[in-house]
C-alpha atoms as a PDB file:
ATOM      1  CA  MET A   1      92.652 118.731 106.043  1.00  0.00           C
ATOM      2  CA  ARG A   2      89.833 117.122 103.783  1.00  0.00           C
ATOM      3  CA  ILE A   3      91.904 114.499 102.283  1.00  0.00           C
ATOM      4  CA  ALA A   4      93.413 113.347 106.083  1.00  0.00           C
ATOM      5  CA  GLN A   5      90.281 113.027 107.162  1.00  0.00           C
ATOM      6  CA  SER A   6      88.745 110.656 103.945  1.00  0.00           C
ATOM      7  CA  GLY A   7      91.426 108.366 104.985  1.00  0.00           C
ATOM      8  CA  ALA A   8      90.453 108.018 108.662  1.00  0.00           C
ATOM      9  CA  VAL A   9      86.509 107.692 107.422  1.00  0.00           C
ATOM     10  CA  LEU A  10      87.202 105.227 105.102  1.00  0.00           C
ATOM     11  CA  SER A  11      89.403 103.086 107.150  1.00  0.00           C
ATOM     12  CA  LEU A  12      86.817 102.879 110.142  1.00  0.00           C
ATOM     13  CA  ALA A  13      83.867 102.262 107.387  1.00  0.00           C
ATOM     14  CA  VAL A  14      85.501  99.308 105.485  1.00  0.00           C
ATOM     15  CA  PHE A  15      87.122  97.482 108.614  1.00  0.00           C
ATOM     16  CA  ALA A  16      84.055  95.584 109.207  1.00  0.00           C
ATOM     17  CA  PHE A  17      84.376  94.492 105.185  1.00  0.00           C
ATOM     18  CA  PHE A  18      88.048  93.393 104.946  1.00  0.00           C
ATOM     19  CA  ALA A  19      88.432  91.884 108.490  1.00  0.00           C
ATOM     20  CA  CYS A  20      85.538  89.523 107.302  1.00  0.00           C
ATOM     21  CA  SER A  21      86.586  89.326 103.369  1.00  0.00           C
ATOM     22  CA  ALA A  22      90.281  89.030 104.135  1.00  0.00           C
ATOM     23  CA  ALA A  23      90.114  86.340 106.675  1.00  0.00           C
ATOM     24  CA  GLN A  24      87.739  84.162 104.136  1.00  0.00           C
ATOM     25  CA  ALA A  25      89.180  85.007 100.834  1.00  0.00           C
ATOM     26  CA  GLN A  26      92.903  84.236 102.009  1.00  0.00           C
ATOM     27  CA  LEU A  27      93.956  87.845 101.178  1.00  0.00           C
ATOM     28  CA  PRO A  28      97.198  88.826 103.119  1.00  0.00           C
ATOM     29  CA  SER A  29      95.720  91.307 106.164  1.00  0.00           C
ATOM     30  CA  PRO A  30      97.313  94.738 106.006  1.00  0.00           C
ATOM     31  CA  PRO A  31     101.053  94.980 107.374  1.00  0.00           C
ATOM     32  CA  SER A  32     101.729  95.596 111.301  1.00  0.00           C
ATOM     33  CA  GLY A  33     100.999  99.197 111.864  1.00  0.00           C
ATOM     34  CA  VAL A  34      97.928  99.532 109.562  1.00  0.00           C
ATOM     35  CA  MET A  35      95.855  96.762 110.938  1.00  0.00           C
ATOM     36  CA  GLY A  36      92.469  97.914 111.007  1.00  0.00           C
ATOM     37  CA  MET A  37      93.224 100.999 109.301  1.00  0.00           C
ATOM     38  CA  ILE A  38      93.031 100.250 105.767  1.00  0.00           C
ATOM     39  CA  PRO A  39      95.234 103.054 103.545  1.00  0.00           C
ATOM     40  CA  SER A  40      92.313 105.155 101.411  1.00  0.00           C
ATOM     41  CA  PRO A  41      94.110 104.492  98.073  1.00  0.00           C
ATOM     42  CA  LEU A  42      94.272 101.179  98.606  1.00  0.00           C
ATOM     43  CA  ALA A  43      90.833 100.353  99.489  1.00  0.00           C
ATOM     44  CA  GLY A  44      89.645  99.893  95.927  1.00  0.00           C
ATOM     45  CA  PRO A  45      92.280  97.387  94.649  1.00  0.00           C
ATOM     46  CA  MET A  46      92.059  95.775  98.006  1.00  0.00           C
ATOM     47  CA  ALA A  47      88.387  95.139  97.882  1.00  0.00           C
ATOM     48  CA  GLY A  48      88.770  94.102  94.192  1.00  0.00           C
ATOM     49  CA  LEU A  49      91.564  91.315  95.437  1.00  0.00           C
ATOM     50  CA  ALA A  50      89.290  89.843  98.145  1.00  0.00           C
ATOM     51  CA  PHE A  51      86.208  90.016  95.886  1.00  0.00           C
ATOM     52  CA  MET A  52      88.366  87.874  93.058  1.00  0.00           C
ATOM     53  CA  SER A  53      89.423  85.824  95.763  1.00  0.00           C
ATOM     54  CA  THR A  54      85.755  84.452  96.580  1.00  0.00           C
ATOM     55  CA  PRO A  55      83.909  81.614  95.180  1.00  0.00           C
ATOM     56  CA  GLU A  56      81.158  84.149  94.593  1.00  0.00           C
ATOM     57  CA  GLY A  57      83.379  86.695  92.862  1.00  0.00           C
ATOM     58  CA  GLN A  58      84.846  84.298  90.593  1.00  0.00           C
ATOM     59  CA  GLN A  59      81.848  83.204  89.641  1.00  0.00           C
ATOM     60  CA  GLU A  60      80.365  86.654  88.412  1.00  0.00           C
ATOM     61  CA  LEU A  61      83.396  87.703  87.038  1.00  0.00           C
ATOM     62  CA  LYS A  62      83.493  83.686  84.869  1.00  0.00           C
ATOM     63  CA  LEU A  63      87.131  83.481  85.798  1.00  0.00           C
ATOM     64  CA  SER A  64      89.139  81.160  83.884  1.00  0.00           C
ATOM     65  CA  ASP A  65      91.603  78.547  86.016  1.00  0.00           C
ATOM     66  CA  GLU A  66      94.615  80.362  84.166  1.00  0.00           C
ATOM     67  CA  GLN A  67      93.220  83.385  85.566  1.00  0.00           C
ATOM     68  CA  LYS A  68      92.504  82.409  89.161  1.00  0.00           C
ATOM     69  CA  GLY A  69      95.826  80.635  89.362  1.00  0.00           C
ATOM     70  CA  THR A  70      97.702  83.741  88.305  1.00  0.00           C
ATOM     71  CA  LEU A  71      95.842  85.856  90.716  1.00  0.00           C
ATOM     72  CA  GLN A  72      96.325  83.605  93.546  1.00  0.00           C
ATOM     73  CA  GLN A  73     100.311  83.945  93.153  1.00  0.00           C
ATOM     74  CA  TYR A  74      99.608  87.902  92.696  1.00  0.00           C
ATOM     75  CA  GLN A  75      98.157  87.644  96.004  1.00  0.00           C
ATOM     76  CA  GLU A  76     100.706  85.870  97.617  1.00  0.00           C
ATOM     77  CA  ASN A  77     103.271  88.648  97.060  1.00  0.00           C
ATOM     78  CA  PHE A  78     100.796  91.398  97.892  1.00  0.00           C
ATOM     79  CA  ARG A  79     101.999  91.688 101.970  1.00  0.00           C
ATOM     80  CA  SER A  80     105.778  91.936 100.873  1.00  0.00           C
ATOM     81  CA  ARG A  81     105.548  94.570  98.077  1.00  0.00           C
ATOM     82  CA  LEU A  82     102.786  96.493 100.202  1.00  0.00           C
ATOM     83  CA  ASN A  83     105.658  96.624 102.805  1.00  0.00           C
ATOM     84  CA  ASP A  84     108.243  97.675 100.300  1.00  0.00           C
ATOM     85  CA  HIS A  85     106.096 100.866  99.392  1.00  0.00           C
ATOM     86  CA  THR A  86     105.378 101.931 102.793  1.00  0.00           C
ATOM     87  CA  ALA A  87     108.919 100.912 104.539  1.00  0.00           C
ATOM     88  CA  PRO A  88     110.707 104.310 102.549  1.00  0.00           C
ATOM     89  CA  ALA A  89     107.913 106.629 104.693  1.00  0.00           C
ATOM     90  CA  GLY A  90     109.661 105.613 107.689  1.00  0.00           C
ATOM     91  CA  GLN A  91     112.777 107.520 106.776  1.00  0.00           C
ATOM     92  CA  VAL A  92     111.190 110.871 106.661  1.00  0.00           C
ATOM     93  CA  ALA A  93     110.254 113.477 109.302  1.00  0.00           C
ATOM     94  CA  LYS A  94     107.136 112.185 111.725  1.00  0.00           C
ATOM     95  CA  SER A  95     105.189 115.251 110.209  1.00  0.00           C
ATOM     96  CA  GLU A  96     105.621 114.061 106.632  1.00  0.00           C
ATOM     97  CA  ARG A  97     104.767 110.622 106.839  1.00  0.00           C
ATOM     98  CA  PRO A  98     101.014 110.810 106.216  1.00  0.00           C
ATOM     99  CA  GLY A  99     101.505 112.511 103.187  1.00  0.00           C
ATOM    100  CA  LYS A 100     104.306 110.821 102.160  1.00  0.00           C
ATOM    101  CA  ASN A 101     102.748 107.400 103.045  1.00  0.00           C
ATOM    102  CA  ASP A 102      99.647 108.558 101.202  1.00  0.00           C
ATOM    103  CA  ALA A 103     102.042 109.245  97.974  1.00  0.00           C
ATOM    104  CA  LEU A 104     103.699 105.809  98.149  1.00  0.00           C
ATOM    105  CA  LEU A 105      99.793 103.976  98.659  1.00  0.00           C
ATOM    106  CA  GLN A 106      98.572 105.891  95.809  1.00  0.00           C
ATOM    107  CA  GLU A 107     101.396 104.968  93.680  1.00  0.00           C
ATOM    108  CA  PHE A 108     101.116 101.314  94.637  1.00  0.00           C
ATOM    109  CA  ALA A 109      97.343 101.557  94.150  1.00  0.00           C
ATOM    110  CA  ASP A 110      97.920 102.645  90.445  1.00  0.00           C
ATOM    111  CA  GLU A 111     100.451  99.976  89.689  1.00  0.00           C
ATOM    112  CA  VAL A 112      97.987  96.911  91.099  1.00  0.00           C
ATOM    113  CA  ASN A 113      95.246  98.409  89.113  1.00  0.00           C
ATOM    114  CA  GLN A 114      97.490  98.325  86.033  1.00  0.00           C
ATOM    115  CA  GLU A 115      98.587  95.092  86.428  1.00  0.00           C
ATOM    116  CA  ILE A 116      95.309  93.573  87.148  1.00  0.00           C
ATOM    117  CA  GLN A 117      94.026  94.993  84.084  1.00  0.00           C
ATOM    118  CA  GLN A 118      96.171  92.596  82.279  1.00  0.00           C
ATOM    119  CA  ILE A 119      95.089  89.809  83.922  1.00  0.00           C
ATOM    120  CA  LEU A 120      91.481  90.935  83.640  1.00  0.00           C
ATOM    121  CA  ASP A 121      89.508  91.061  80.268  1.00  0.00           C
ATOM    122  CA  ALA A 122      87.475  94.304  79.795  1.00  0.00           C
ATOM    123  CA  ASP A 123      84.340  93.522  81.630  1.00  0.00           C
ATOM    124  CA  GLN A 124      85.977  91.721  84.421  1.00  0.00           C
ATOM    125  CA  PHE A 125      88.310  94.717  84.962  1.00  0.00           C
ATOM    126  CA  ARG A 126      85.278  96.932  84.644  1.00  0.00           C
ATOM    127  CA  ARG A 127      83.587  94.750  87.417  1.00  0.00           C
ATOM    128  CA  TYR A 128      86.894  94.746  89.929  1.00  0.00           C
ATOM    129  CA  LYS A 129      86.924  98.857  89.823  1.00  0.00           C
ATOM    130  CA  GLN A 130      83.423  99.108  90.590  1.00  0.00           C
ATOM    131  CA  VAL A 131      83.443  96.707  93.675  1.00  0.00           C
ATOM    132  CA  GLY A 132      86.443  98.728  94.389  1.00  0.00           C
ATOM    133  CA  THR A 133      84.442 101.824  94.006  1.00  0.00           C
ATOM    134  CA  GLN A 134      81.673 100.059  96.881  1.00  0.00           C
ATOM    135  CA  ALA A 135      84.899  99.382  99.150  1.00  0.00           C
ATOM    136  CA  PHE A 136      85.162 103.642  99.826  1.00  0.00           C
ATOM    137  CA  GLY A 137      82.024 104.111 100.788  1.00  0.00           C
ATOM    138  CA  PHE A 138      81.090 107.413 101.612  1.00  0.00           C
ATOM    139  CA  ALA A 139      84.643 108.172 101.278  1.00  0.00           C
ATOM    140  CA  ALA A 140      84.582 107.153  97.224  1.00  0.00           C
ATOM    141  CA  PHE A 141      83.374 110.881  96.746  1.00  0.00           C
ATOM    142  CA  ASN A 142      86.446 112.549  98.029  1.00  0.00           C
ATOM    143  CA  GLN A 143      88.454 110.641  94.973  1.00  0.00           C
ATOM    144  CA  PRO A 144      89.696 112.568  92.364  1.00  0.00           C
ATOM    145  CA  ALA A 145      88.705 110.383  89.687  1.00  0.00           C
ATOM    146  CA  ILE A 146      84.876 110.255  90.951  1.00  0.00           C
ATOM    147  CA  GLN A 147      84.561 114.051  91.220  1.00  0.00           C
ATOM    148  CA  LYS A 148      85.522 114.337  87.677  1.00  0.00           C
ATOM    149  CA  ALA A 149      83.364 111.444  86.664  1.00  0.00           C
ATOM    150  CA  LEU A 150      80.306 113.091  88.449  1.00  0.00           C
ATOM    151  CA  GLN A 151      81.444 116.481  87.861  1.00  0.00           C
ATOM    152  CA  LEU A 152      80.812 117.676  91.415  1.00  0.00           C
ATOM    153  CA  THR A 153      80.306 121.171  92.208  1.00  0.00           C
ATOM    154  CA  ASP A 154      81.757 123.439  95.037  1.00  0.00           C
ATOM    155  CA  GLU A 155      78.417 123.336  96.744  1.00  0.00           C
ATOM    156  CA  GLN A 156      77.836 119.717  96.322  1.00  0.00           C
ATOM    157  CA  LYS A 157      81.571 118.716  97.938  1.00  0.00           C
ATOM    158  CA  SER A 158      80.909 121.413 100.285  1.00  0.00           C
ATOM    159  CA  LYS A 159      77.360 119.525 101.251  1.00  0.00           C
ATOM    160  CA  ILE A 160      79.211 116.265 100.808  1.00  0.00           C
ATOM    161  CA  ALA A 161      82.274 116.967 103.470  1.00  0.00           C
ATOM    162  CA  VAL A 162      79.502 118.170 106.199  1.00  0.00           C
ATOM    163  CA  GLN A 163      77.794 114.787 105.717  1.00  0.00           C
ATOM    164  CA  GLN A 164      81.038 112.892 105.685  1.00  0.00           C
ATOM    165  CA  ASP A 165      82.191 114.608 108.812  1.00  0.00           C
ATOM    166  CA  LEU A 166      78.528 113.412 110.691  1.00  0.00           C
ATOM    167  CA  ALA A 167      79.106 110.047 109.408  1.00  0.00           C
ATOM    168  CA  LEU A 168      82.654 109.471 110.607  1.00  0.00           C
ATOM    169  CA  ALA A 169      81.845 110.687 114.328  1.00  0.00           C
ATOM    170  CA  ALA A 170      78.741 108.082 114.195  1.00  0.00           C
ATOM    171  CA  THR A 171      81.206 105.494 113.046  1.00  0.00           C
ATOM    172  CA  ARG A 172      83.870 106.102 115.464  1.00  0.00           C
ATOM    173  CA  ALA A 173      81.284 105.855 118.216  1.00  0.00           C
ATOM    174  CA  ALA A 174      79.717 102.732 116.540  1.00  0.00           C
ATOM    175  CA  PHE A 175      82.769 100.751 117.022  1.00  0.00           C
ATOM    176  CA  GLU A 176      83.446 102.460 120.500  1.00  0.00           C
ATOM    177  CA  LYS A 177      80.076 101.197 121.902  1.00  0.00           C
ATOM    178  CA  ASN A 178      80.253  97.932 120.126  1.00  0.00           C
ATOM    179  CA  LEU A 179      84.056  96.952 121.037  1.00  0.00           C
ATOM    180  CA  GLY A 180      84.269  93.052 121.516  1.00  0.00           C
ATOM    181  CA  ASP A 181      80.731  92.646 119.491  1.00  0.00           C
ATOM    182  CA  ARG A 182      82.137  92.441 116.141  1.00  0.00           C
ATOM    183  CA  GLU A 183      79.025  91.634 114.701  1.00  0.00           C
ATOM    184  CA  ALA A 184      77.112  94.350 116.638  1.00  0.00           C
ATOM    185  CA  ALA A 185      79.806  96.427 115.392  1.00  0.00           C
ATOM    186  CA  VAL A 186      79.571  95.588 111.530  1.00  0.00           C
ATOM    187  CA  LYS A 187      75.673  96.337 111.461  1.00  0.00           C
ATOM    188  CA  ALA A 188      76.190  99.521 113.460  1.00  0.00           C
ATOM    189  CA  VAL A 189      78.628 100.884 110.599  1.00  0.00           C
ATOM    190  CA  THR A 190      76.628  99.265 107.829  1.00  0.00           C
ATOM    191  CA  GLU A 191      73.821 101.582 109.005  1.00  0.00           C
ATOM    192  CA  VAL A 192      75.661 104.617 109.104  1.00  0.00           C
ATOM    193  CA  ARG A 193      77.387 103.960 105.692  1.00  0.00           C
ATOM    194  CA  ASP A 194      74.375 103.358 104.010  1.00  0.00           C
ATOM    195  CA  GLN A 195      72.308 106.188 106.004  1.00  0.00           C
ATOM    196  CA  THR A 196      75.385 108.597 104.862  1.00  0.00           C
ATOM    197  CA  MET A 197      75.422 107.268 101.146  1.00  0.00           C
ATOM    198  CA  ALA A 198      71.575 107.724 100.799  1.00  0.00           C
ATOM    199  CA  ARG A 199      71.931 111.568 101.773  1.00  0.00           C
ATOM    200  CA  LEU A 200      75.042 111.908  99.689  1.00  0.00           C
ATOM    201  CA  LYS A 201      73.188 110.339  96.572  1.00  0.00           C
ATOM    202  CA  GLY A 202      70.156 112.900  97.451  1.00  0.00           C
ATOM    203  CA  PHE A 203      72.948 115.782  96.462  1.00  0.00           C
ATOM    204  CA  LEU A 204      73.650 114.422  92.880  1.00  0.00           C
ATOM    205  CA  SER A 205      71.370 115.388  89.505  1.00  0.00           C
ATOM    206  CA  GLU A 206      70.006 112.807  87.761  1.00  0.00           C
ATOM    207  CA  ASP A 207      72.388 112.714  85.752  1.00  0.00           C
ATOM    208  CA  GLN A 208      74.820 112.489  88.561  1.00  0.00           C
ATOM    209  CA  LYS A 209      73.379 109.500  89.647  1.00  0.00           C
ATOM    210  CA  LYS A 210      72.868 107.643  86.487  1.00  0.00           C
ATOM    211  CA  THR A 211      76.821 108.013  86.437  1.00  0.00           C
ATOM    212  CA  TRP A 212      77.169 106.999  90.178  1.00  0.00           C
ATOM    213  CA  GLU A 213      75.022 103.341  89.148  1.00  0.00           C
ATOM    214  CA  GLY A 214      77.712 103.036  86.409  1.00  0.00           C
ATOM    215  CA  LEU A 215      80.657 103.215  88.546  1.00  0.00           C
ATOM    216  CA  VAL A 216      79.387 101.215  91.368  1.00  0.00           C
ATOM    217  CA  GLY A 217      77.309  98.840  89.398  1.00  0.00           C
ATOM    218  CA  LYS A 218      75.370  96.413  91.213  1.00  0.00           C
ATOM    219  CA  PRO A 219      76.001  95.715  94.849  1.00  0.00           C
ATOM    220  CA  PHE A 220      78.108  93.228  96.043  1.00  0.00           C
ATOM    221  CA  GLN A 221      77.796  91.252  99.371  1.00  0.00           C
ATOM    222  CA  MET A 222      81.395  90.088 100.568  1.00  0.00           C
ATOM    223  CA  PRO A 223      80.710  86.717 102.262  1.00  0.00           C
ATOM    224  CA  GLN A 224      80.684  86.893 105.853  1.00  0.00           C
ATOM    225  CA  ILE A 225      82.917  84.486 107.869  1.00  0.00           C
ATOM    226  CA  GLY A 226      80.595  81.543 108.762  1.00  0.00           C
ATOM    227  CA  GLN A 227      78.437  82.354 106.109  1.00  0.00           C
ATOM    228  CA  PRO A 228      77.131  79.428 103.908  1.00  0.00           C
ATOM    229  CA  ARG A 229      79.426  79.002 100.732  1.00  0.00           C
ATOM    230  CA  ARG A 230      78.333  78.291  97.254  1.00  0.00           C
ATOM    231  CA  SER A 231      80.372  76.645  94.796  1.00  0.00           C
ATOM    232  CA  ALA A 232      82.041  78.435  92.218  1.00  0.00           C
ATOM    233  CA  ASN A 233      81.511  75.680  89.857  1.00  0.00           C
END
């Protein structure tokens, strides 16, 4: 199934992103059972929260001290709330759990976005959403909201699907080849992501490309562990 594949594509493609950002931004890591496998519906909100936890992100959004405090408290409760939303899936048949989990996580993702929207102003929330969309990588094109905004045709969706399947295989191979070498794995996965994104954007019309640029905004490079930090002040 395409949706199931998109979750797998995403989980591998953004693993390096979150492994770095969660540790440095002190964002709660995923709960036991999904460590290293970022759930598709939550990738956007988690990326946005990690973004707002870094001095660089806070500076870019011009967060007030009050907003920083509110967001820090919000993040501290994130892990337990995520567990609460995924726990019910364990009560259903094993064969039905993936779909149940997706539904629960999508519900939680929508809830998180609505709550974050109450903390940020309109411009800040727009940027939060843009960074979240960036985190989806090439799996973003599977998101219903993105497909609707771009008005993708069936032919475009089919072409995109082929490239995503190839990217999934390449991403898995990159991780397997570089087991134990995190830096090399990050570099290899980033190359797959960038090459795939270039191909997918090549399927878009000029108007669609403009819409896409508005959806992702300017690139934000999440600081890596060990990278010199700039003050947010």
